[in-house]
C-alpha cells in the first residue's frame, strides 16, 4: 500500500478550541470522580477488612476462653465427685476411726502405738 497524505484540514478556530477544552474538562472531571470513587471504595474495603480481622481475633479469644472454662468445669465436677465420695466415707464410723488412727496417730485406751523409723 502506498501512503498518501490526508486531505483533511484541522481547523483551529475559537469554536474548535472551546469544544476541545470542554472535552478535556469533562474527561478530567470523570477521571477525578473515578479516583474519588475508587479511593472511597478502597477505604470502605480496608475498614470492613479491619473489622473482620478484629471480629476474628475476638472470636478466637472467646473460643479459647470457652475451652478453658470447660476444662475448669470438668475439673471442678471431678473434684466435687471426689468430695462427695469422701463425704460418704466420712459417714462410716469404721472409716473415720481408721483415718484418725493413720493421720493423727491415735490409739485407743490400753493400746500401745509403735513407730518404726526407716
N, C-alpha and C. Protein backbone atom coordinates (compact mmCIF):
# COMPACT_ATOMS: atom_id res chain seq x y z
N UNK A 1 0.83 -1.18 0.00
CA UNK A 1 0.00 0.00 0.00
C UNK A 1 0.87 1.23 0.00
N UNK A 2 0.39 2.11 -0.63
CA UNK A 2 1.14 3.37 -0.67
C UNK A 2 0.53 4.34 0.33
N UNK A 3 1.40 5.08 0.94
CA UNK A 3 0.92 6.07 1.90
C UNK A 3 0.63 7.36 1.16
N UNK A 4 -0.52 7.89 1.46
CA UNK A 4 -0.86 9.15 0.82
C UNK A 4 -1.26 10.15 1.88
N UNK A 5 -1.10 11.37 1.58
CA UNK A 5 -1.38 12.44 2.51
C UNK A 5 -2.86 12.64 2.64
N UNK A 6 -3.29 12.87 3.90
CA UNK A 6 -4.70 13.09 4.13
C UNK A 6 -5.10 14.46 3.63
N UNK A 7 -6.29 14.54 3.10
CA UNK A 7 -6.79 15.79 2.57
C UNK A 7 -7.61 16.57 3.62
N UNK A 8 -7.65 16.02 4.87
CA UNK A 8 -8.44 16.65 5.92
C UNK A 8 -7.61 17.74 6.56
N UNK A 9 -8.21 18.88 6.71
CA UNK A 9 -7.54 20.02 7.34
C UNK A 9 -8.21 20.24 8.70
N UNK A 10 -7.39 20.29 9.75
CA UNK A 10 -7.89 20.54 11.08
C UNK A 10 -7.99 22.03 11.30
N UNK A 11 -9.17 22.45 11.70
CA UNK A 11 -9.38 23.87 11.96
C UNK A 11 -8.99 24.18 13.39
N UNK A 12 -8.52 25.34 13.60
CA UNK A 12 -8.13 25.75 14.94
C UNK A 12 -8.78 27.09 15.25
N UNK A 13 -10.06 27.14 15.07
CA UNK A 13 -10.77 28.38 15.35
C UNK A 13 -11.26 28.37 16.80
N UNK A 14 -11.81 29.46 17.30
CA UNK A 14 -12.25 29.54 18.70
C UNK A 14 -13.30 28.49 19.07
N UNK A 15 -14.19 28.16 18.16
CA UNK A 15 -15.21 27.15 18.46
C UNK A 15 -14.56 25.79 18.71
N UNK A 16 -13.65 25.38 17.84
CA UNK A 16 -12.96 24.10 17.98
C UNK A 16 -12.13 24.09 19.26
N UNK A 17 -11.52 25.21 19.58
CA UNK A 17 -10.74 25.31 20.81
C UNK A 17 -11.64 25.13 22.04
N UNK A 18 -12.84 25.75 22.01
CA UNK A 18 -13.79 25.59 23.13
C UNK A 18 -14.26 24.15 23.24
N UNK A 19 -14.54 23.51 22.11
CA UNK A 19 -15.00 22.12 22.12
C UNK A 19 -13.90 21.22 22.68
N UNK A 20 -12.69 21.39 22.23
CA UNK A 20 -11.56 20.59 22.73
C UNK A 20 -11.32 20.85 24.22
N UNK A 21 -11.43 22.11 24.62
CA UNK A 21 -11.25 22.45 26.03
C UNK A 21 -12.36 21.79 26.86
N UNK A 22 -13.58 21.84 26.36
CA UNK A 22 -14.70 21.23 27.08
C UNK A 22 -14.51 19.71 27.20
N UNK A 23 -14.00 19.07 26.15
CA UNK A 23 -13.73 17.63 26.19
C UNK A 23 -12.69 17.31 27.26
N UNK A 24 -11.64 18.12 27.34
CA UNK A 24 -10.60 17.91 28.35
C UNK A 24 -11.15 18.12 29.76
N UNK A 25 -12.00 19.14 29.91
CA UNK A 25 -12.59 19.41 31.23
C UNK A 25 -13.49 18.25 31.65
N UNK A 26 -14.31 17.77 30.73
CA UNK A 26 -15.21 16.65 31.03
C UNK A 26 -14.39 15.40 31.36
N UNK A 27 -13.36 15.12 30.55
CA UNK A 27 -12.51 13.97 30.80
C UNK A 27 -11.81 14.08 32.16
N UNK A 28 -11.28 15.24 32.48
CA UNK A 28 -10.61 15.46 33.77
C UNK A 28 -11.61 15.30 34.92
N UNK A 29 -12.84 15.78 34.73
CA UNK A 29 -13.87 15.63 35.76
C UNK A 29 -14.19 14.16 35.98
N UNK A 30 -14.31 13.40 34.91
CA UNK A 30 -14.59 11.97 35.02
C UNK A 30 -13.44 11.24 35.72
N UNK A 31 -12.22 11.59 35.37
CA UNK A 31 -11.06 10.96 36.00
C UNK A 31 -11.04 11.26 37.50
N UNK A 32 -11.34 12.51 37.88
CA UNK A 32 -11.38 12.87 39.30
C UNK A 32 -12.47 12.09 40.03
N UNK A 33 -13.64 11.97 39.41
CA UNK A 33 -14.73 11.22 40.03
C UNK A 33 -14.37 9.75 40.21
N UNK A 34 -13.76 9.16 39.20
CA UNK A 34 -13.37 7.76 39.28
C UNK A 34 -12.33 7.57 40.39
N UNK A 35 -11.37 8.50 40.47
CA UNK A 35 -10.37 8.40 41.54
C UNK A 35 -11.01 8.52 42.92
N UNK A 36 -11.97 9.44 43.07
CA UNK A 36 -12.66 9.60 44.35
C UNK A 36 -13.45 8.34 44.70
N UNK A 37 -14.16 7.78 43.72
CA UNK A 37 -14.95 6.58 43.96
C UNK A 37 -14.04 5.41 44.33
N UNK A 38 -12.94 5.24 43.62
CA UNK A 38 -12.01 4.17 43.92
C UNK A 38 -11.37 4.35 45.30
N UNK A 39 -11.04 5.59 45.65
CA UNK A 39 -10.48 5.87 46.98
C UNK A 39 -11.49 5.55 48.06
N UNK A 40 -12.73 5.97 47.86
CA UNK A 40 -13.79 5.68 48.83
C UNK A 40 -14.02 4.17 48.95
N UNK A 41 -14.05 3.50 47.82
CA UNK A 41 -14.23 2.04 47.81
C UNK A 41 -13.08 1.34 48.55
N UNK A 42 -11.85 1.78 48.30
CA UNK A 42 -10.69 1.19 48.99
C UNK A 42 -10.78 1.45 50.49
N UNK A 43 -11.21 2.65 50.89
CA UNK A 43 -11.34 2.96 52.32
C UNK A 43 -12.39 2.06 52.97
N UNK A 44 -13.51 1.86 52.30
CA UNK A 44 -14.57 1.00 52.84
C UNK A 44 -14.07 -0.43 52.95
N UNK A 45 -13.38 -0.91 51.93
CA UNK A 45 -12.84 -2.28 51.95
C UNK A 45 -11.83 -2.43 53.09
N UNK A 46 -10.95 -1.44 53.28
CA UNK A 46 -9.98 -1.51 54.37
C UNK A 46 -10.68 -1.50 55.72
N UNK A 47 -11.69 -0.66 55.88
CA UNK A 47 -12.43 -0.59 57.15
C UNK A 47 -13.12 -1.90 57.43
N UNK A 48 -13.81 -2.45 56.44
CA UNK A 48 -14.50 -3.72 56.64
C UNK A 48 -13.52 -4.86 56.88
N UNK A 49 -12.39 -4.83 56.20
CA UNK A 49 -11.36 -5.85 56.43
C UNK A 49 -10.82 -5.79 57.85
N UNK A 50 -10.59 -4.57 58.33
CA UNK A 50 -10.11 -4.41 59.71
C UNK A 50 -11.15 -4.91 60.70
N UNK A 51 -12.42 -4.58 60.47
CA UNK A 51 -13.49 -5.05 61.36
C UNK A 51 -13.59 -6.58 61.34
N UNK A 52 -13.44 -7.16 60.16
CA UNK A 52 -13.49 -8.62 60.04
C UNK A 52 -12.33 -9.25 60.79
N UNK A 53 -11.13 -8.70 60.63
CA UNK A 53 -9.95 -9.21 61.33
C UNK A 53 -10.13 -9.09 62.84
N UNK A 54 -10.65 -7.95 63.29
CA UNK A 54 -10.86 -7.74 64.73
C UNK A 54 -11.91 -8.72 65.26
N UNK A 55 -12.98 -8.94 64.52
CA UNK A 55 -14.01 -9.89 64.94
C UNK A 55 -13.44 -11.30 65.00
N UNK A 56 -12.61 -11.64 64.03
CA UNK A 56 -11.99 -12.97 64.01
C UNK A 56 -11.09 -13.15 65.24
N UNK A 57 -10.34 -12.12 65.59
CA UNK A 57 -9.46 -12.18 66.76
C UNK A 57 -10.28 -12.34 68.04
N UNK A 58 -11.35 -11.56 68.16
CA UNK A 58 -12.22 -11.65 69.34
C UNK A 58 -12.87 -13.03 69.44
N UNK A 59 -13.29 -13.58 68.31
CA UNK A 59 -13.89 -14.91 68.28
C UNK A 59 -12.89 -15.97 68.75
N UNK A 60 -11.65 -15.84 68.31
CA UNK A 60 -10.62 -16.79 68.74
C UNK A 60 -10.40 -16.69 70.25
N UNK A 61 -10.40 -15.47 70.78
CA UNK A 61 -10.23 -15.29 72.23
C UNK A 61 -11.40 -15.89 73.00
N UNK A 62 -12.61 -15.67 72.50
CA UNK A 62 -13.79 -16.21 73.17
C UNK A 62 -13.77 -17.73 73.13
N UNK A 63 -13.40 -18.30 72.00
CA UNK A 63 -13.33 -19.77 71.89
C UNK A 63 -12.28 -20.33 72.84
N UNK A 64 -11.15 -19.63 72.96
CA UNK A 64 -10.12 -20.07 73.89
C UNK A 64 -10.63 -19.99 75.33
N UNK A 65 -11.37 -18.95 75.65
CA UNK A 65 -11.94 -18.80 76.99
C UNK A 65 -12.96 -19.90 77.27
N UNK A 66 -13.74 -20.24 76.25
CA UNK A 66 -14.74 -21.31 76.40
C UNK A 66 -14.05 -22.63 76.70
N UNK A 67 -13.00 -22.94 75.95
CA UNK A 67 -12.27 -24.20 76.17
C UNK A 67 -11.70 -24.23 77.58
N UNK A 68 -11.10 -23.12 77.99
CA UNK A 68 -10.52 -23.04 79.34
C UNK A 68 -11.60 -23.21 80.41
N UNK A 69 -12.74 -22.57 80.20
CA UNK A 69 -13.84 -22.66 81.16
C UNK A 69 -14.38 -24.08 81.22
N UNK A 70 -14.51 -24.74 80.07
CA UNK A 70 -14.99 -26.12 80.05
C UNK A 70 -14.03 -27.04 80.80
N UNK A 71 -12.72 -26.81 80.65
CA UNK A 71 -11.74 -27.60 81.38
C UNK A 71 -11.88 -27.37 82.88
N UNK A 72 -12.09 -26.11 83.27
CA UNK A 72 -12.27 -25.79 84.69
C UNK A 72 -13.52 -26.47 85.23
N UNK A 73 -14.60 -26.42 84.47
CA UNK A 73 -15.85 -27.06 84.89
C UNK A 73 -15.64 -28.56 85.06
N UNK A 74 -14.94 -29.17 84.12
CA UNK A 74 -14.69 -30.61 84.19
C UNK A 74 -13.88 -30.96 85.43
N UNK A 75 -12.84 -30.18 85.71
CA UNK A 75 -12.02 -30.47 86.89
C UNK A 75 -12.80 -30.21 88.17
N UNK A 76 -13.65 -29.20 88.18
CA UNK A 76 -14.46 -28.91 89.37
C UNK A 76 -15.51 -30.01 89.60
N UNK A 77 -16.07 -30.53 88.52
CA UNK A 77 -17.02 -31.64 88.66
C UNK A 77 -16.32 -32.87 89.23
N UNK A 78 -15.12 -33.13 88.73
CA UNK A 78 -14.35 -34.26 89.22
C UNK A 78 -14.02 -34.07 90.70
N UNK A 79 -13.63 -32.87 91.06
CA UNK A 79 -13.32 -32.56 92.46
C UNK A 79 -14.58 -32.70 93.32
N UNK A 80 -15.70 -32.22 92.83
CA UNK A 80 -16.96 -32.35 93.56
C UNK A 80 -17.34 -33.80 93.76
N UNK A 81 -17.12 -34.59 92.74
CA UNK A 81 -17.43 -36.02 92.84
C UNK A 81 -16.53 -36.68 93.88
N UNK A 82 -15.25 -36.31 93.90
CA UNK A 82 -14.32 -36.85 94.89
C UNK A 82 -14.75 -36.46 96.29
N UNK A 83 -15.15 -35.22 96.46
CA UNK A 83 -15.61 -34.74 97.77
C UNK A 83 -16.87 -35.48 98.20
N UNK A 84 -17.78 -35.72 97.26
CA UNK A 84 -19.00 -36.47 97.59
C UNK A 84 -18.67 -37.88 98.05
N UNK A 85 -17.72 -38.52 97.36
CA UNK A 85 -17.31 -39.87 97.75
C UNK A 85 -16.67 -39.85 99.14
N UNK A 86 -15.84 -38.84 99.39
CA UNK A 86 -15.19 -38.73 100.70
C UNK A 86 -16.24 -38.46 101.78
N UNK A 87 -17.24 -37.67 101.46
CA UNK A 87 -18.31 -37.38 102.42
C UNK A 87 -19.07 -38.66 102.78
N UNK A 88 -19.32 -39.49 101.78
CA UNK A 88 -19.98 -40.77 102.05
C UNK A 88 -19.12 -41.64 102.97
N UNK A 89 -17.80 -41.65 102.71
CA UNK A 89 -16.90 -42.44 103.55
C UNK A 89 -16.84 -41.89 104.98
N UNK A 90 -16.92 -40.58 105.11
CA UNK A 90 -16.84 -39.97 106.45
C UNK A 90 -18.08 -40.27 107.29
N UNK A 91 -19.15 -40.68 106.65
CA UNK A 91 -20.35 -41.06 107.39
C UNK A 91 -20.21 -42.47 107.97
N UNK A 92 -19.21 -43.22 107.54
CA UNK A 92 -18.95 -44.57 108.02
C UNK A 92 -18.00 -44.46 109.24
N UNK A 93 -18.45 -44.88 110.42
CA UNK A 93 -17.63 -44.76 111.63
C UNK A 93 -16.32 -45.56 111.56
N UNK A 94 -16.32 -46.72 110.93
CA UNK A 94 -15.10 -47.52 110.83
C UNK A 94 -14.04 -46.78 110.01
N UNK A 95 -14.47 -46.13 108.92
CA UNK A 95 -13.53 -45.37 108.08
C UNK A 95 -12.96 -44.19 108.85
N UNK A 96 -13.82 -43.49 109.60
CA UNK A 96 -13.37 -42.33 110.37
C UNK A 96 -12.34 -42.78 111.41
N UNK A 97 -12.61 -43.88 112.07
CA UNK A 97 -11.69 -44.39 113.08
C UNK A 97 -10.34 -44.75 112.43
N UNK A 98 -10.38 -45.41 111.30
CA UNK A 98 -9.14 -45.78 110.60
C UNK A 98 -8.38 -44.52 110.16
N UNK A 99 -9.10 -43.52 109.66
CA UNK A 99 -8.48 -42.28 109.21
C UNK A 99 -7.80 -41.55 110.36
N UNK A 100 -8.47 -41.47 111.50
CA UNK A 100 -7.90 -40.79 112.66
C UNK A 100 -6.67 -41.53 113.16
N UNK A 101 -6.72 -42.86 113.18
CA UNK A 101 -5.56 -43.65 113.63
C UNK A 101 -4.35 -43.43 112.71
N UNK A 102 -4.59 -43.39 111.37
CA UNK A 102 -3.48 -43.23 110.44
C UNK A 102 -2.94 -41.80 110.42
N UNK A 103 -3.84 -40.86 110.36
CA UNK A 103 -3.42 -39.48 110.14
C UNK A 103 -2.89 -38.83 111.42
N UNK A 104 -3.51 -39.11 112.53
CA UNK A 104 -3.16 -38.41 113.77
C UNK A 104 -2.51 -39.32 114.81
N UNK A 105 -2.16 -40.53 114.45
CA UNK A 105 -1.52 -41.48 115.35
C UNK A 105 -2.33 -41.66 116.63
N UNK A 106 -3.58 -41.86 116.46
CA UNK A 106 -4.49 -42.02 117.59
C UNK A 106 -4.53 -43.50 117.99
N UNK A 107 -4.59 -43.72 119.31
CA UNK A 107 -4.68 -45.09 119.81
C UNK A 107 -5.77 -45.14 120.87
N UNK A 108 -6.43 -46.25 120.96
CA UNK A 108 -7.47 -46.42 121.98
C UNK A 108 -6.79 -46.63 123.34
N UNK A 109 -7.60 -46.46 124.37
CA UNK A 109 -7.07 -46.71 125.71
C UNK A 109 -6.62 -48.16 125.82
N UNK A 110 -5.44 -48.33 126.32
CA UNK A 110 -4.91 -49.67 126.51
C UNK A 110 -4.11 -50.17 125.33
N UNK A 111 -4.11 -49.45 124.19
CA UNK A 111 -3.33 -49.86 123.03
C UNK A 111 -1.96 -49.19 123.11
N UNK A 112 -0.96 -49.85 122.61
CA UNK A 112 0.39 -49.28 122.54
C UNK A 112 0.70 -49.04 121.06
N UNK A 113 1.18 -47.83 120.79
CA UNK A 113 1.47 -47.43 119.42
C UNK A 113 2.97 -47.53 119.19
N UNK A 114 3.37 -48.26 118.19
CA UNK A 114 4.79 -48.40 117.86
C UNK A 114 5.04 -47.70 116.53
N UNK A 115 6.14 -46.93 116.46
CA UNK A 115 6.54 -46.28 115.21
C UNK A 115 7.91 -46.80 114.82
N UNK A 116 8.01 -47.17 113.59
CA UNK A 116 9.29 -47.66 113.09
C UNK A 116 9.87 -46.63 112.15
N UNK A 117 11.12 -46.30 112.37
CA UNK A 117 11.80 -45.31 111.54
C UNK A 117 12.64 -46.06 110.51
N UNK A 118 12.54 -45.69 109.29
CA UNK A 118 13.31 -46.35 108.23
C UNK A 118 14.65 -45.72 108.08
